[in-house]
Amino acid sequence: MQKERQAQAGKKSLLTQKNEAALREHCGQDYSLDDLANDLQRDKFYLTHLYKNETG
């Protein structure tokens, strides 16, 4: 069971990959969680929950 969780933890969803790409693109700019959620057309609470679950 623990090996399965570790394997899944190493895989990131497409949305989390897009999240990280957007953060890299806007690094050093005035870019808020609301901006990110708007750009990805998702709820900011969903994005934070997903990101935390997939990245720790």
C-alpha atoms as a PDB file:
ATOM      1  CA  MET A   1       0.000   0.000   0.000  1.00  0.00           C
ATOM      2  CA  GLN A   2       2.769   2.453   0.893  1.00  0.00           C
ATOM      3  CA  LYS A   3       4.631   1.750  -2.366  1.00  0.00           C
ATOM      4  CA  GLU A   4       1.431   2.442  -4.301  1.00  0.00           C
ATOM      5  CA  ARG A   5       0.993   5.792  -2.550  1.00  0.00           C
ATOM      6  CA  GLN A   6       4.600   6.742  -3.259  1.00  0.00           C
ATOM      7  CA  ALA A   7       4.202   5.828  -6.936  1.00  0.00           C
ATOM      8  CA  GLN A   8       1.050   7.910  -7.184  1.00  0.00           C
ATOM      9  CA  ALA A   9       2.681  10.787  -5.328  1.00  0.00           C
ATOM     10  CA  GLY A  10       5.382  10.931  -8.001  1.00  0.00           C
ATOM     11  CA  LYS A  11       2.797  11.429 -10.732  1.00  0.00           C
ATOM     12  CA  LYS A  12       1.285  14.850 -11.198  1.00  0.00           C
ATOM     13  CA  SER A  13      -1.959  15.535 -12.956  1.00  0.00           C
ATOM     14  CA  LEU A  14      -2.047  17.706 -16.055  1.00  0.00           C
ATOM     15  CA  LEU A  15      -3.718  20.447 -14.017  1.00  0.00           C
ATOM     16  CA  THR A  16      -0.918  20.437 -11.441  1.00  0.00           C
ATOM     17  CA  GLN A  17       1.640  20.547 -14.252  1.00  0.00           C
ATOM     18  CA  LYS A  18      -0.181  23.557 -15.746  1.00  0.00           C
ATOM     19  CA  ASN A  19      -0.275  25.126 -12.290  1.00  0.00           C
ATOM     20  CA  GLU A  20       3.489  24.793 -11.927  1.00  0.00           C
ATOM     21  CA  ALA A  21       4.112  26.076 -15.469  1.00  0.00           C
ATOM     22  CA  ALA A  22       1.993  29.172 -14.814  1.00  0.00           C
ATOM     23  CA  LEU A  23       3.847  29.847 -11.572  1.00  0.00           C
ATOM     24  CA  ARG A  24       7.204  29.562 -13.338  1.00  0.00           C
ATOM     25  CA  GLU A  25       5.987  31.831 -16.135  1.00  0.00           C
ATOM     26  CA  HIS A  26       4.867  34.535 -13.694  1.00  0.00           C
ATOM     27  CA  CYS A  27       7.720  34.150 -11.203  1.00  0.00           C
ATOM     28  CA  GLY A  28       8.722  37.526  -9.795  1.00  0.00           C
ATOM     29  CA  GLN A  29       5.529  39.179 -10.975  1.00  0.00           C
ATOM     30  CA  ASP A  30       2.509  40.330  -9.027  1.00  0.00           C
ATOM     31  CA  TYR A  31       0.521  37.118  -9.621  1.00  0.00           C
ATOM     32  CA  SER A  32      -2.018  35.969  -7.064  1.00  0.00           C
ATOM     33  CA  LEU A  33      -3.841  32.728  -6.421  1.00  0.00           C
ATOM     34  CA  ASP A  34      -6.949  34.404  -7.810  1.00  0.00           C
ATOM     35  CA  ASP A  35      -5.044  35.170 -11.031  1.00  0.00           C
ATOM     36  CA  LEU A  36      -3.855  31.577 -11.271  1.00  0.00           C
ATOM     37  CA  ALA A  37      -7.352  30.201 -10.695  1.00  0.00           C
ATOM     38  CA  ASN A  38      -8.751  32.571 -13.304  1.00  0.00           C
ATOM     39  CA  ASP A  39      -6.080  31.604 -15.849  1.00  0.00           C
ATOM     40  CA  LEU A  40      -6.671  27.880 -15.292  1.00  0.00           C
ATOM     41  CA  GLN A  41     -10.462  28.366 -15.047  1.00  0.00           C
ATOM     42  CA  ARG A  42     -10.671  26.468 -11.770  1.00  0.00           C
ATOM     43  CA  ASP A  43     -11.665  27.238  -8.195  1.00  0.00           C
ATOM     44  CA  LYS A  44      -8.697  28.429  -6.130  1.00  0.00           C
ATOM     45  CA  PHE A  45      -9.570  26.137  -3.228  1.00  0.00           C
ATOM     46  CA  TYR A  46      -9.671  23.136  -5.566  1.00  0.00           C
ATOM     47  CA  LEU A  47      -6.275  24.087  -7.023  1.00  0.00           C
ATOM     48  CA  THR A  48      -4.648  24.397  -3.605  1.00  0.00           C
ATOM     49  CA  HIS A  49      -6.149  21.102  -2.401  1.00  0.00           C
ATOM     50  CA  LEU A  50      -5.052  19.237  -5.532  1.00  0.00           C
ATOM     51  CA  TYR A  51      -1.564  20.745  -5.468  1.00  0.00           C
ATOM     52  CA  LYS A  52      -1.036  19.884  -1.820  1.00  0.00           C
ATOM     53  CA  ASN A  53      -2.238  16.313  -2.319  1.00  0.00           C
ATOM     54  CA  GLU A  54       0.025  15.758  -5.307  1.00  0.00           C
ATOM     55  CA  THR A  55       3.158  17.532  -4.103  1.00  0.00           C
ATOM     56  CA  GLY A  56       2.973  17.289  -0.336  1.00  0.00           C
END
